[in-house]
All heavy atoms as atom14 arrays in JSON, in Angstrom:
{
  "sequence": "MVNASTRFNDGGQFGLGAEIGISTTKLHAYGPMGLKELTTQKFIVYGS",
  "atom14_mask": [
    [1, 1, 1, 1, 1, 1, 1, 1, 0, 0, 0, 0, 0, 0],
    [1, 1, 1, 1, 1, 1, 1, 0, 0, 0, 0, 0, 0, 0],
    [1, 1, 1, 1, 1, 1, 1, 1, 0, 0, 0, 0, 0, 0],
    [1, 1, 1, 1, 1, 0, 0, 0, 0, 0, 0, 0, 0, 0],
    [1, 1, 1, 1, 1, 1, 0, 0, 0, 0, 0, 0, 0, 0],
    [1, 1, 1, 1, 1, 1, 1, 0, 0, 0, 0, 0, 0, 0],
    [1, 1, 1, 1, 1, 1, 1, 1, 1, 1, 1, 0, 0, 0],
    [1, 1, 1, 1, 1, 1, 1, 1, 1, 1, 1, 0, 0, 0],
    [1, 1, 1, 1, 1, 1, 1, 1, 0, 0, 0, 0, 0, 0],
    [1, 1, 1, 1, 1, 1, 1, 1, 0, 0, 0, 0, 0, 0],
    [1, 1, 1, 1, 0, 0, 0, 0, 0, 0, 0, 0, 0, 0],
    [1, 1, 1, 1, 0, 0, 0, 0, 0, 0, 0, 0, 0, 0],
    [1, 1, 1, 1, 1, 1, 1, 1, 1, 0, 0, 0, 0, 0],
    [1, 1, 1, 1, 1, 1, 1, 1, 1, 1, 1, 0, 0, 0],
    [1, 1, 1, 1, 0, 0, 0, 0, 0, 0, 0, 0, 0, 0],
    [1, 1, 1, 1, 1, 1, 1, 1, 0, 0, 0, 0, 0, 0],
    [1, 1, 1, 1, 0, 0, 0, 0, 0, 0, 0, 0, 0, 0],
    [1, 1, 1, 1, 1, 0, 0, 0, 0, 0, 0, 0, 0, 0],
    [1, 1, 1, 1, 1, 1, 1, 1, 1, 0, 0, 0, 0, 0],
    [1, 1, 1, 1, 1, 1, 1, 1, 0, 0, 0, 0, 0, 0],
    [1, 1, 1, 1, 0, 0, 0, 0, 0, 0, 0, 0, 0, 0],
    [1, 1, 1, 1, 1, 1, 1, 1, 0, 0, 0, 0, 0, 0],
    [1, 1, 1, 1, 1, 1, 0, 0, 0, 0, 0, 0, 0, 0],
    [1, 1, 1, 1, 1, 1, 1, 0, 0, 0, 0, 0, 0, 0],
    [1, 1, 1, 1, 1, 1, 1, 0, 0, 0, 0, 0, 0, 0],
    [1, 1, 1, 1, 1, 1, 1, 1, 1, 0, 0, 0, 0, 0],
    [1, 1, 1, 1, 1, 1, 1, 1, 0, 0, 0, 0, 0, 0],
    [1, 1, 1, 1, 1, 1, 1, 1, 1, 1, 0, 0, 0, 0],
    [1, 1, 1, 1, 1, 0, 0, 0, 0, 0, 0, 0, 0, 0],
    [1, 1, 1, 1, 1, 1, 1, 1, 1, 1, 1, 1, 0, 0],
    [1, 1, 1, 1, 0, 0, 0, 0, 0, 0, 0, 0, 0, 0],
    [1, 1, 1, 1, 1, 1, 1, 0, 0, 0, 0, 0, 0, 0],
    [1, 1, 1, 1, 1, 1, 1, 1, 0, 0, 0, 0, 0, 0],
    [1, 1, 1, 1, 0, 0, 0, 0, 0, 0, 0, 0, 0, 0],
    [1, 1, 1, 1, 1, 1, 1, 1, 0, 0, 0, 0, 0, 0],
    [1, 1, 1, 1, 1, 1, 1, 1, 1, 0, 0, 0, 0, 0],
    [1, 1, 1, 1, 1, 1, 1, 1, 1, 0, 0, 0, 0, 0],
    [1, 1, 1, 1, 1, 1, 1, 1, 0, 0, 0, 0, 0, 0],
    [1, 1, 1, 1, 1, 1, 1, 0, 0, 0, 0, 0, 0, 0],
    [1, 1, 1, 1, 1, 1, 1, 0, 0, 0, 0, 0, 0, 0],
    [1, 1, 1, 1, 1, 1, 1, 1, 1, 0, 0, 0, 0, 0],
    [1, 1, 1, 1, 1, 1, 1, 1, 1, 0, 0, 0, 0, 0],
    [1, 1, 1, 1, 1, 1, 1, 1, 1, 1, 1, 0, 0, 0],
    [1, 1, 1, 1, 1, 1, 1, 1, 0, 0, 0, 0, 0, 0],
    [1, 1, 1, 1, 1, 1, 1, 0, 0, 0, 0, 0, 0, 0],
    [1, 1, 1, 1, 1, 1, 1, 1, 1, 1, 1, 1, 0, 0],
    [1, 1, 1, 1, 0, 0, 0, 0, 0, 0, 0, 0, 0, 0],
    [1, 1, 1, 1, 1, 1, 0, 0, 0, 0, 0, 0, 0, 0]
  ],
  "atom14_positions": [
    [[-22.47, 21.77, -7.41], [-22.09, 21.28, -8.77], [-21.41, 19.97, -8.69], [-20.66, 19.69, -7.7], [-21.23, 22.33, -9.45], [-21.86, 23.75, -9.58], [-20.73, 24.87, -10.34], [-21.78, 26.37, -10.35], [0.0, 0.0, 0.0], [0.0, 0.0, 0.0], [0.0, 0.0, 0.0], [0.0, 0.0, 0.0], [0.0, 0.0, 0.0], [0.0, 0.0, 0.0]],
    [[-21.43, 19.25, -9.85], [-20.74, 17.99, -9.92], [-19.9, 18.12, -11.2], [-20.46, 18.39, -12.37], [-21.67, 16.82, -10.1], [-20.9, 15.45, -10.35], [-22.49, 16.6, -8.78], [0.0, 0.0, 0.0], [0.0, 0.0, 0.0], [0.0, 0.0, 0.0], [0.0, 0.0, 0.0], [0.0, 0.0, 0.0], [0.0, 0.0, 0.0], [0.0, 0.0, 0.0]],
    [[-18.6, 17.96, -11.14], [-17.71, 17.97, -12.3], [-17.79, 19.25, -13.18], [-17.86, 19.19, -14.33], [-17.88, 16.72, -13.17], [-17.53, 15.38, -12.47], [-16.76, 15.45, -11.56], [-18.33, 14.44, -12.8], [0.0, 0.0, 0.0], [0.0, 0.0, 0.0], [0.0, 0.0, 0.0], [0.0, 0.0, 0.0], [0.0, 0.0, 0.0], [0.0, 0.0, 0.0]],
    [[-17.87, 20.39, -12.43], [-17.93, 21.68, -13.18], [-17.24, 22.79, -12.3], [-17.17, 22.58, -11.02], [-19.31, 22.04, -13.39], [0.0, 0.0, 0.0], [0.0, 0.0, 0.0], [0.0, 0.0, 0.0], [0.0, 0.0, 0.0], [0.0, 0.0, 0.0], [0.0, 0.0, 0.0], [0.0, 0.0, 0.0], [0.0, 0.0, 0.0], [0.0, 0.0, 0.0]],
    [[-16.73, 23.83, -12.93], [-16.14, 24.9, -12.31], [-17.04, 25.74, -11.56], [-18.17, 26.02, -12.0], [-15.35, 25.85, -13.32], [-14.92, 27.04, -12.8], [0.0, 0.0, 0.0], [0.0, 0.0, 0.0], [0.0, 0.0, 0.0], [0.0, 0.0, 0.0], [0.0, 0.0, 0.0], [0.0, 0.0, 0.0], [0.0, 0.0, 0.0], [0.0, 0.0, 0.0]],
    [[-16.58, 26.32, -10.37], [-17.46, 27.23, -9.61], [-17.78, 28.46, -10.38], [-18.73, 29.09, -9.93], [-16.75, 27.53, -8.21], [-15.46, 28.1, -8.54], [-16.45, 26.29, -7.43], [0.0, 0.0, 0.0], [0.0, 0.0, 0.0], [0.0, 0.0, 0.0], [0.0, 0.0, 0.0], [0.0, 0.0, 0.0], [0.0, 0.0, 0.0], [0.0, 0.0, 0.0]],
    [[-16.96, 28.8, -11.36], [-17.19, 30.04, -12.09], [-18.58, 30.08, -12.78], [-18.93, 31.1, -13.35], [-16.17, 30.21, -13.11], [-14.74, 30.55, -12.38], [-14.6, 32.05, -11.94], [-14.52, 32.89, -13.21], [-15.48, 33.72, -13.52], [-16.54, 33.96, -12.79], [-15.27, 34.43, -14.64], [0.0, 0.0, 0.0], [0.0, 0.0, 0.0], [0.0, 0.0, 0.0]],
    [[-19.14, 28.9, -12.87], [-20.47, 28.81, -13.6], [-21.69, 29.42, -12.74], [-22.72, 29.63, -13.3], [-20.87, 27.42, -14.05], [-20.06, 27.01, -15.24], [-19.14, 26.06, -15.16], [-20.38, 27.54, -16.46], [-18.38, 25.64, -16.33], [-19.73, 27.15, -17.61], [-18.69, 26.16, -17.56], [0.0, 0.0, 0.0], [0.0, 0.0, 0.0], [0.0, 0.0, 0.0]],
    [[-21.44, 29.64, -11.54], [-22.56, 30.27, -10.71], [-22.64, 31.72, -11.05], [-22.08, 32.62, -10.38], [-22.2, 30.07, -9.23], [-23.6, 30.41, -8.33], [-24.58, 30.76, -8.92], [-23.34, 30.34, -7.06], [0.0, 0.0, 0.0], [0.0, 0.0, 0.0], [0.0, 0.0, 0.0], [0.0, 0.0, 0.0], [0.0, 0.0, 0.0], [0.0, 0.0, 0.0]],
    [[-23.46, 31.92, -12.01], [-23.65, 33.29, -12.62], [-24.96, 33.34, -13.38], [-25.36, 32.4, -14.02], [-22.49, 33.49, -13.61], [-22.63, 34.73, -14.39], [-22.28, 35.78, -13.91], [-23.14, 34.68, -15.58], [0.0, 0.0, 0.0], [0.0, 0.0, 0.0], [0.0, 0.0, 0.0], [0.0, 0.0, 0.0], [0.0, 0.0, 0.0], [0.0, 0.0, 0.0]],
    [[-25.75, 34.41, -13.23], [-27.04, 34.59, -13.87], [-26.96, 34.29, -15.33], [-27.84, 33.62, -15.88], [0.0, 0.0, 0.0], [0.0, 0.0, 0.0], [0.0, 0.0, 0.0], [0.0, 0.0, 0.0], [0.0, 0.0, 0.0], [0.0, 0.0, 0.0], [0.0, 0.0, 0.0], [0.0, 0.0, 0.0], [0.0, 0.0, 0.0], [0.0, 0.0, 0.0]],
    [[-26.03, 34.89, -16.02], [-25.85, 34.73, -17.51], [-25.67, 33.2, -17.82], [-26.23, 32.67, -18.71], [0.0, 0.0, 0.0], [0.0, 0.0, 0.0], [0.0, 0.0, 0.0], [0.0, 0.0, 0.0], [0.0, 0.0, 0.0], [0.0, 0.0, 0.0], [0.0, 0.0, 0.0], [0.0, 0.0, 0.0], [0.0, 0.0, 0.0], [0.0, 0.0, 0.0]],
    [[-24.72, 32.61, -17.04], [-24.42, 31.22, -17.37], [-25.61, 30.26, -17.11], [-25.78, 29.27, -17.68], [-23.13, 30.83, -16.52], [-21.93, 31.49, -16.93], [-21.38, 31.13, -18.33], [-21.53, 29.96, -18.78], [-20.96, 32.1, -19.07], [0.0, 0.0, 0.0], [0.0, 0.0, 0.0], [0.0, 0.0, 0.0], [0.0, 0.0, 0.0], [0.0, 0.0, 0.0]],
    [[-26.49, 30.63, -16.16], [-27.55, 29.85, -15.73], [-28.84, 30.14, -16.58], [-29.89, 29.66, -16.39], [-27.94, 30.02, -14.25], [-27.04, 29.37, -13.4], [-27.22, 29.46, -11.97], [-26.02, 28.57, -13.73], [-26.37, 28.83, -11.05], [-25.14, 27.97, -12.81], [-25.28, 28.09, -11.5], [0.0, 0.0, 0.0], [0.0, 0.0, 0.0], [0.0, 0.0, 0.0]],
    [[-28.72, 31.02, -17.65], [-29.77, 31.34, -18.47], [-30.7, 32.44, -17.96], [-31.85, 32.56, -18.4], [0.0, 0.0, 0.0], [0.0, 0.0, 0.0], [0.0, 0.0, 0.0], [0.0, 0.0, 0.0], [0.0, 0.0, 0.0], [0.0, 0.0, 0.0], [0.0, 0.0, 0.0], [0.0, 0.0, 0.0], [0.0, 0.0, 0.0], [0.0, 0.0, 0.0]],
    [[-30.34, 33.21, -16.88], [-31.21, 34.18, -16.33], [-31.01, 35.55, -17.06], [-31.85, 36.42, -16.68], [-30.98, 34.29, -14.84], [-30.98, 33.11, -13.93], [-30.68, 33.49, -12.49], [-32.35, 32.47, -14.08], [0.0, 0.0, 0.0], [0.0, 0.0, 0.0], [0.0, 0.0, 0.0], [0.0, 0.0, 0.0], [0.0, 0.0, 0.0], [0.0, 0.0, 0.0]],
    [[-30.14, 35.65, -17.96], [-29.71, 36.89, -18.48], [-28.89, 37.68, -17.49], [-28.13, 36.92, -16.76], [0.0, 0.0, 0.0], [0.0, 0.0, 0.0], [0.0, 0.0, 0.0], [0.0, 0.0, 0.0], [0.0, 0.0, 0.0], [0.0, 0.0, 0.0], [0.0, 0.0, 0.0], [0.0, 0.0, 0.0], [0.0, 0.0, 0.0], [0.0, 0.0, 0.0]],
    [[-28.73, 38.95, -17.38], [-27.91, 39.64, -16.48], [-28.52, 39.29, -15.11], [-29.69, 39.13, -14.93], [-27.99, 41.09, -16.74], [0.0, 0.0, 0.0], [0.0, 0.0, 0.0], [0.0, 0.0, 0.0], [0.0, 0.0, 0.0], [0.0, 0.0, 0.0], [0.0, 0.0, 0.0], [0.0, 0.0, 0.0], [0.0, 0.0, 0.0], [0.0, 0.0, 0.0]],
    [[-27.68, 39.36, -14.05], [-28.07, 39.12, -12.73], [-27.84, 40.31, -11.9], [-27.05, 41.2, -12.16], [-27.3, 37.91, -12.11], [-25.9, 38.32, -11.79], [-25.07, 37.22, -11.07], [-25.37, 36.09, -11.35], [-24.17, 37.49, -10.27], [0.0, 0.0, 0.0], [0.0, 0.0, 0.0], [0.0, 0.0, 0.0], [0.0, 0.0, 0.0], [0.0, 0.0, 0.0]],
    [[-28.71, 40.55, -10.8], [-28.56, 41.63, -9.93], [-27.63, 41.23, -8.77], [-27.41, 42.15, -8.01], [-29.98, 42.17, -9.47], [-29.97, 43.52, -9.18], [-30.6, 41.31, -8.42], [-31.27, 44.25, -8.99], [0.0, 0.0, 0.0], [0.0, 0.0, 0.0], [0.0, 0.0, 0.0], [0.0, 0.0, 0.0], [0.0, 0.0, 0.0], [0.0, 0.0, 0.0]],
    [[-27.36, 40.07, -8.53], [-26.48, 39.63, -7.48], [-26.76, 38.17, -7.19], [-27.59, 37.53, -7.77], [0.0, 0.0, 0.0], [0.0, 0.0, 0.0], [0.0, 0.0, 0.0], [0.0, 0.0, 0.0], [0.0, 0.0, 0.0], [0.0, 0.0, 0.0], [0.0, 0.0, 0.0], [0.0, 0.0, 0.0], [0.0, 0.0, 0.0], [0.0, 0.0, 0.0]],
    [[-25.97, 37.64, -6.29], [-26.09, 36.21, -5.82], [-26.41, 36.25, -4.36], [-25.53, 36.71, -3.5], [-24.86, 35.4, -6.19], [-24.51, 35.3, -7.6], [-24.94, 34.01, -5.53], [-23.36, 34.61, -8.05], [0.0, 0.0, 0.0], [0.0, 0.0, 0.0], [0.0, 0.0, 0.0], [0.0, 0.0, 0.0], [0.0, 0.0, 0.0], [0.0, 0.0, 0.0]],
    [[-27.57, 35.7, -4.08], [-28.0, 35.65, -2.65], [-27.53, 34.34, -2.02], [-27.71, 33.27, -2.56], [-29.57, 35.7, -2.53], [-29.89, 35.39, -1.25], [0.0, 0.0, 0.0], [0.0, 0.0, 0.0], [0.0, 0.0, 0.0], [0.0, 0.0, 0.0], [0.0, 0.0, 0.0], [0.0, 0.0, 0.0], [0.0, 0.0, 0.0], [0.0, 0.0, 0.0]],
    [[-26.85, 34.59, -0.83], [-26.46, 33.42, -0.08], [-27.32, 33.26, 1.12], [-27.02, 32.53, 2.09], [-24.95, 33.56, 0.36], [-24.81, 34.81, 1.08], [-24.13, 33.49, -0.89], [0.0, 0.0, 0.0], [0.0, 0.0, 0.0], [0.0, 0.0, 0.0], [0.0, 0.0, 0.0], [0.0, 0.0, 0.0], [0.0, 0.0, 0.0], [0.0, 0.0, 0.0]],
    [[-28.51, 33.89, 1.2], [-29.5, 33.65, 2.19], [-30.75, 33.18, 1.52], [-30.89, 33.32, 0.28], [-29.84, 35.06, 2.93], [-30.19, 36.04, 2.07], [-28.71, 35.42, 3.86], [0.0, 0.0, 0.0], [0.0, 0.0, 0.0], [0.0, 0.0, 0.0], [0.0, 0.0, 0.0], [0.0, 0.0, 0.0], [0.0, 0.0, 0.0], [0.0, 0.0, 0.0]],
    [[-31.64, 32.59, 2.27], [-32.67, 31.8, 1.6], [-33.98, 32.58, 1.49], [-34.91, 32.02, 0.86], [-32.91, 30.47, 2.4], [-31.68, 29.62, 2.31], [-31.85, 28.25, 3.13], [-30.56, 27.45, 2.99], [-30.77, 26.3, 3.9], [0.0, 0.0, 0.0], [0.0, 0.0, 0.0], [0.0, 0.0, 0.0], [0.0, 0.0, 0.0], [0.0, 0.0, 0.0]],
    [[-34.03, 33.69, 2.0], [-35.35, 34.52, 1.96], [-34.96, 35.8, 1.22], [-34.22, 36.58, 1.75], [-35.93, 34.89, 3.31], [-36.42, 33.55, 4.05], [-36.91, 34.05, 5.5], [-37.56, 32.86, 3.37], [0.0, 0.0, 0.0], [0.0, 0.0, 0.0], [0.0, 0.0, 0.0], [0.0, 0.0, 0.0], [0.0, 0.0, 0.0], [0.0, 0.0, 0.0]],
    [[-35.63, 36.21, 0.13], [-36.65, 35.4, -0.56], [-36.05, 34.58, -1.7], [-36.82, 33.88, -2.47], [-37.76, 36.31, -0.95], [-37.43, 37.1, -2.22], [-36.75, 38.28, -2.09], [-37.76, 36.96, -3.55], [-36.61, 38.86, -3.28], [-37.14, 37.96, -4.08], [0.0, 0.0, 0.0], [0.0, 0.0, 0.0], [0.0, 0.0, 0.0], [0.0, 0.0, 0.0]],
    [[-34.69, 34.75, -1.96], [-34.09, 34.14, -3.12], [-32.8, 33.52, -2.63], [-32.27, 33.96, -1.72], [-33.92, 35.13, -4.19], [0.0, 0.0, 0.0], [0.0, 0.0, 0.0], [0.0, 0.0, 0.0], [0.0, 0.0, 0.0], [0.0, 0.0, 0.0], [0.0, 0.0, 0.0], [0.0, 0.0, 0.0], [0.0, 0.0, 0.0], [0.0, 0.0, 0.0]],
    [[-32.33, 32.47, -3.41], [-31.13, 31.71, -3.0], [-30.4, 31.5, -4.43], [-30.83, 30.87, -5.24], [-31.43, 30.44, -2.33], [-30.39, 29.84, -1.53], [-29.41, 30.44, -1.06], [-30.44, 28.39, -1.23], [-28.4, 29.96, -0.19], [-29.47, 27.86, -0.48], [-28.53, 28.63, 0.0], [-27.53, 27.96, 0.84], [0.0, 0.0, 0.0], [0.0, 0.0, 0.0]],
    [[-29.21, 32.16, -4.43], [-28.41, 31.97, -5.74], [-28.53, 33.25, -6.57], [-28.99, 34.34, -6.17], [0.0, 0.0, 0.0], [0.0, 0.0, 0.0], [0.0, 0.0, 0.0], [0.0, 0.0, 0.0], [0.0, 0.0, 0.0], [0.0, 0.0, 0.0], [0.0, 0.0, 0.0], [0.0, 0.0, 0.0], [0.0, 0.0, 0.0], [0.0, 0.0, 0.0]],
    [[-28.17, 33.21, -7.91], [-28.25, 34.29, -8.86], [-29.61, 34.84, -8.91], [-30.56, 34.1, -8.97], [-27.7, 33.69, -10.12], [-26.98, 32.52, -9.79], [-27.56, 31.92, -8.57], [0.0, 0.0, 0.0], [0.0, 0.0, 0.0], [0.0, 0.0, 0.0], [0.0, 0.0, 0.0], [0.0, 0.0, 0.0], [0.0, 0.0, 0.0], [0.0, 0.0, 0.0]],
    [[-29.82, 36.19, -8.8], [-31.04, 36.77, -8.8], [-31.36, 37.33, -10.26], [-30.69, 38.3, -10.7], [-31.17, 37.83, -7.87], [-31.22, 37.28, -6.43], [-31.55, 38.63, -5.2], [-33.18, 39.17, -5.77], [0.0, 0.0, 0.0], [0.0, 0.0, 0.0], [0.0, 0.0, 0.0], [0.0, 0.0, 0.0], [0.0, 0.0, 0.0], [0.0, 0.0, 0.0]],
    [[-32.32, 36.72, -10.94], [-32.72, 37.16, -12.22], [-34.14, 37.82, -12.16], [-34.4, 38.38, -11.11], [0.0, 0.0, 0.0], [0.0, 0.0, 0.0], [0.0, 0.0, 0.0], [0.0, 0.0, 0.0], [0.0, 0.0, 0.0], [0.0, 0.0, 0.0], [0.0, 0.0, 0.0], [0.0, 0.0, 0.0], [0.0, 0.0, 0.0], [0.0, 0.0, 0.0]],
    [[-34.88, 37.85, -13.26], [-36.12, 38.44, -13.27], [-37.12, 38.05, -12.31], [-37.75, 38.77, -11.54], [-36.74, 38.39, -14.68], [-36.18, 39.24, -15.8], [-36.83, 38.84, -17.07], [-36.21, 40.6, -15.42], [0.0, 0.0, 0.0], [0.0, 0.0, 0.0], [0.0, 0.0, 0.0], [0.0, 0.0, 0.0], [0.0, 0.0, 0.0], [0.0, 0.0, 0.0]],
    [[-37.34, 36.77, -12.2], [-38.35, 36.24, -11.25], [-38.11, 36.53, -9.82], [-38.93, 36.81, -8.99], [-38.49, 34.7, -11.42], [-39.47, 34.38, -12.59], [-39.92, 32.92, -12.45], [-41.09, 32.64, -13.51], [-41.6, 31.28, -13.41], [0.0, 0.0, 0.0], [0.0, 0.0, 0.0], [0.0, 0.0, 0.0], [0.0, 0.0, 0.0], [0.0, 0.0, 0.0]],
    [[-36.72, 36.62, -9.47], [-36.33, 36.88, -8.08], [-36.58, 38.35, -7.84], [-36.47, 38.72, -6.59], [-34.87, 36.51, -8.02], [-34.56, 35.04, -7.88], [-34.67, 34.34, -9.22], [-34.48, 34.98, -10.3], [-35.11, 33.14, -9.28], [0.0, 0.0, 0.0], [0.0, 0.0, 0.0], [0.0, 0.0, 0.0], [0.0, 0.0, 0.0], [0.0, 0.0, 0.0]],
    [[-36.86, 39.13, -8.82], [-37.18, 40.59, -8.53], [-38.63, 40.81, -8.56], [-39.17, 42.02, -8.73], [-36.52, 41.49, -9.57], [-34.96, 41.58, -9.42], [-34.35, 42.3, -10.56], [-34.6, 42.15, -8.12], [0.0, 0.0, 0.0], [0.0, 0.0, 0.0], [0.0, 0.0, 0.0], [0.0, 0.0, 0.0], [0.0, 0.0, 0.0], [0.0, 0.0, 0.0]],
    [[-39.43, 39.75, -8.46], [-40.93, 39.77, -8.37], [-41.34, 39.04, -7.2], [-40.67, 38.3, -6.47], [-41.61, 39.27, -9.55], [-41.26, 37.98, -9.76], [-41.1, 40.0, -10.93], [0.0, 0.0, 0.0], [0.0, 0.0, 0.0], [0.0, 0.0, 0.0], [0.0, 0.0, 0.0], [0.0, 0.0, 0.0], [0.0, 0.0, 0.0], [0.0, 0.0, 0.0]],
    [[-42.57, 39.2, -6.91], [-43.22, 38.34, -5.86], [-44.58, 37.91, -6.38], [-44.95, 38.19, -7.62], [-43.42, 39.11, -4.5], [-43.82, 38.19, -3.56], [-44.36, 40.28, -4.58], [0.0, 0.0, 0.0], [0.0, 0.0, 0.0], [0.0, 0.0, 0.0], [0.0, 0.0, 0.0], [0.0, 0.0, 0.0], [0.0, 0.0, 0.0], [0.0, 0.0, 0.0]],
    [[-45.34, 37.16, -5.62], [-46.75, 36.76, -6.01], [-47.76, 37.21, -5.05], [-47.57, 37.17, -3.79], [-46.78, 35.23, -6.11], [-45.99, 34.72, -7.31], [-46.12, 33.1, -7.3], [-45.82, 32.44, -6.34], [-46.69, 32.61, -8.45], [0.0, 0.0, 0.0], [0.0, 0.0, 0.0], [0.0, 0.0, 0.0], [0.0, 0.0, 0.0], [0.0, 0.0, 0.0]],
    [[-48.89, 37.73, -5.61], [-49.98, 38.13, -4.82], [-51.14, 37.13, -5.22], [-51.22, 36.63, -6.22], [-50.32, 39.54, -4.97], [-50.97, 39.92, -6.36], [-51.33, 41.32, -6.45], [-51.85, 41.79, -7.82], [-52.11, 43.24, -7.87], [0.0, 0.0, 0.0], [0.0, 0.0, 0.0], [0.0, 0.0, 0.0], [0.0, 0.0, 0.0], [0.0, 0.0, 0.0]],
    [[-52.08, 36.96, -4.16], [-53.29, 36.12, -4.48], [-54.27, 36.96, -5.21], [-54.49, 38.18, -4.93], [-53.85, 35.59, -3.16], [-53.14, 34.61, -2.54], [-52.14, 34.7, -1.52], [-53.29, 33.18, -2.87], [-51.49, 33.73, -0.91], [-52.65, 32.11, -2.36], [-51.64, 32.34, -1.34], [0.0, 0.0, 0.0], [0.0, 0.0, 0.0], [0.0, 0.0, 0.0]],
    [[-54.92, 36.24, -6.1], [-56.06, 36.97, -6.84], [-57.26, 36.13, -6.67], [-57.09, 34.8, -6.54], [-55.7, 37.14, -8.32], [-55.34, 35.84, -9.05], [-54.57, 38.19, -8.4], [-55.16, 35.96, -10.57], [0.0, 0.0, 0.0], [0.0, 0.0, 0.0], [0.0, 0.0, 0.0], [0.0, 0.0, 0.0], [0.0, 0.0, 0.0], [0.0, 0.0, 0.0]],
    [[-58.45, 36.52, -6.67], [-59.68, 35.96, -6.46], [-60.81, 36.31, -7.48], [-60.96, 37.5, -7.64], [-60.31, 36.08, -4.99], [-61.57, 35.36, -4.76], [-59.16, 35.65, -3.98], [0.0, 0.0, 0.0], [0.0, 0.0, 0.0], [0.0, 0.0, 0.0], [0.0, 0.0, 0.0], [0.0, 0.0, 0.0], [0.0, 0.0, 0.0], [0.0, 0.0, 0.0]],
    [[-61.3, 35.34, -8.12], [-62.45, 35.59, -8.97], [-63.74, 35.0, -8.3], [-63.73, 33.91, -7.85], [-62.32, 34.76, -10.32], [-61.19, 35.43, -11.25], [-59.95, 34.81, -11.23], [-61.48, 36.45, -12.1], [-58.94, 35.34, -12.14], [-60.5, 36.97, -12.82], [-59.27, 36.42, -12.92], [-58.27, 36.84, -13.76], [0.0, 0.0, 0.0], [0.0, 0.0, 0.0]],
    [[-64.79, 35.85, -8.34], [-66.03, 35.43, -7.75], [-67.12, 35.76, -8.59], [-67.06, 36.47, -9.59], [0.0, 0.0, 0.0], [0.0, 0.0, 0.0], [0.0, 0.0, 0.0], [0.0, 0.0, 0.0], [0.0, 0.0, 0.0], [0.0, 0.0, 0.0], [0.0, 0.0, 0.0], [0.0, 0.0, 0.0], [0.0, 0.0, 0.0], [0.0, 0.0, 0.0]],
    [[-68.34, 35.34, -8.22], [-69.56, 35.67, -8.92], [-70.7, 35.92, -7.94], [-71.82, 35.37, -7.95], [-70.0, 34.56, -9.89], [-70.04, 33.38, -9.14], [0.0, 0.0, 0.0], [0.0, 0.0, 0.0], [0.0, 0.0, 0.0], [0.0, 0.0, 0.0], [0.0, 0.0, 0.0], [0.0, 0.0, 0.0], [0.0, 0.0, 0.0], [0.0, 0.0, 0.0]]
  ]
}
């Protein structure tokens, strides 16, 4: 942060809604964990 209180590191303050925790490791999430951080992505394929 620049010119702000450390107390802002919070899911609610960051617009994530409620948070499930703050990750200080980089896999698979870093920082407050909101909805997207509780999902992953799979590949999908359309063919003909």
